[in-house]
Amino acid sequence: MAIKTVDVDSLVDQTGNLFETVAILSKRSRQVAIRMKSDLDTRLAYFEGFDPELEDPKFQQEQRMISMKHEVKPKPTEVAIEEMFESEVYFRDPTSDV
């Protein structure tokens, strides 16, 4: 996994505070992680009812392919940062009157 530098200043410009930016990214990455985990669980749930057939190499190969596709996906933190750069993350300040 290559290390990518992130222009933190451009992210902070959106919120005005570094700590708020980190909190927003943290919450969004948790949401993305839950969605990704749910998707993986749904796909693997298909194989739960096939106890004798699980020894079949075809079933094992299908499970392996699903798991490998999940591992190749970008990490939830990366997704959250990209969404923040593209201004796709909705956030608001609960202390403001607006």
Protein backbone atom coordinates (compact mmCIF):
# COMPACT_ATOMS: atom_id res chain seq x y z
CA MET A 1 0.00 0.00 0.00
CA ALA A 2 1.51 3.28 -1.11
CA ILE A 3 1.51 6.25 1.21
CA LYS A 4 -0.29 9.28 -0.16
CA THR A 5 0.17 12.78 1.12
CA VAL A 6 -2.99 14.70 1.93
CA ASP A 7 -3.33 18.47 1.76
CA VAL A 8 -4.73 18.96 5.25
CA ASP A 9 -5.07 22.70 4.79
CA SER A 10 -7.64 22.30 2.02
CA LEU A 11 -9.66 19.98 4.25
CA VAL A 12 -9.42 22.40 7.18
CA ASP A 13 -10.61 25.24 4.94
CA GLN A 14 -13.97 23.48 4.62
CA THR A 15 -14.60 23.33 8.37
CA GLY A 16 -12.33 26.00 9.78
CA ASN A 17 -10.91 23.72 12.46
CA LEU A 18 -8.50 20.79 12.23
CA PHE A 19 -10.13 18.90 15.09
CA GLU A 20 -13.60 19.22 13.56
CA THR A 21 -12.21 17.92 10.28
CA VAL A 22 -10.69 14.89 11.98
CA ALA A 23 -13.95 14.22 13.85
CA ILE A 24 -16.00 14.48 10.65
CA LEU A 25 -13.62 12.19 8.75
CA SER A 26 -13.65 9.71 11.62
CA LYS A 27 -17.44 9.53 11.72
CA ARG A 28 -17.71 9.23 7.95
CA SER A 29 -15.07 6.50 7.76
CA ARG A 30 -16.98 4.53 10.42
CA GLN A 31 -20.14 4.85 8.33
CA VAL A 32 -18.30 3.62 5.24
CA ALA A 33 -16.72 0.73 7.18
CA ILE A 34 -20.12 -0.38 8.47
CA ARG A 35 -21.56 -0.26 4.95
CA MET A 36 -18.64 -2.25 3.53
CA LYS A 37 -18.85 -4.85 6.32
CA SER A 38 -22.59 -5.19 5.80
CA ASP A 39 -22.07 -5.70 2.07
CA LEU A 40 -19.42 -8.38 2.67
CA ASP A 41 -21.60 -10.16 5.24
CA THR A 42 -24.54 -10.14 2.82
CA ARG A 43 -22.45 -11.67 0.05
CA LEU A 44 -20.95 -14.34 2.31
CA ALA A 45 -24.32 -15.15 3.91
CA TYR A 46 -25.24 -16.92 0.69
CA PHE A 47 -22.79 -19.71 1.55
CA GLU A 48 -24.08 -20.38 5.08
CA GLY A 49 -26.72 -22.98 4.22
CA PHE A 50 -24.46 -25.26 2.18
CA ASP A 51 -22.60 -27.31 4.81
CA PRO A 52 -21.81 -30.45 2.73
CA GLU A 53 -21.22 -28.42 -0.41
CA LEU A 54 -18.65 -26.17 1.28
CA GLU A 55 -16.07 -28.86 0.62
CA ASP A 56 -16.65 -28.31 -3.09
CA PRO A 57 -13.67 -26.42 -4.59
CA LYS A 58 -16.04 -24.26 -6.64
CA PHE A 59 -17.72 -22.94 -3.47
CA GLN A 60 -14.37 -22.29 -1.84
CA GLN A 61 -13.15 -20.46 -4.94
CA GLU A 62 -16.26 -18.25 -4.99
CA GLN A 63 -15.81 -17.37 -1.31
CA ARG A 64 -12.15 -16.63 -1.88
CA MET A 65 -12.97 -14.34 -4.83
CA ILE A 66 -15.52 -12.38 -2.78
CA SER A 67 -13.02 -11.96 0.05
CA MET A 68 -10.24 -10.90 -2.29
CA LYS A 69 -12.46 -8.31 -3.98
CA HIS A 70 -13.25 -6.90 -0.54
CA GLU A 71 -9.56 -6.70 0.40
CA VAL A 72 -8.69 -4.78 -2.79
CA LYS A 73 -11.26 -2.05 -2.13
CA PRO A 74 -9.96 1.24 -0.75
CA LYS A 75 -9.95 1.59 3.02
CA PRO A 76 -12.84 3.48 4.64
CA THR A 77 -10.54 6.32 5.66
CA GLU A 78 -9.42 6.81 2.08
CA VAL A 79 -13.03 6.89 0.91
CA ALA A 80 -13.95 9.46 3.57
CA ILE A 81 -11.02 11.72 2.66
CA GLU A 82 -11.85 11.54 -1.05
CA GLU A 83 -15.48 12.36 -0.32
CA MET A 84 -14.38 15.33 1.79
CA PHE A 85 -12.12 16.61 -1.01
CA GLU A 86 -15.02 16.33 -3.47
CA SER A 87 -17.38 18.09 -1.00
CA GLU A 88 -19.69 15.07 -0.87
CA VAL A 89 -19.73 14.94 2.94
CA TYR A 90 -22.57 16.79 4.62
CA PHE A 91 -21.78 18.22 8.01
CA ARG A 92 -23.15 21.01 10.14
CA ASP A 93 -22.22 22.83 13.31
CA PRO A 94 -24.85 22.04 15.96
CA THR A 95 -23.85 25.09 18.01
CA SER A 96 -24.61 27.58 15.24
CA ASP A 97 -28.10 29.08 14.86
CA VAL A 98 -28.19 28.76 11.08
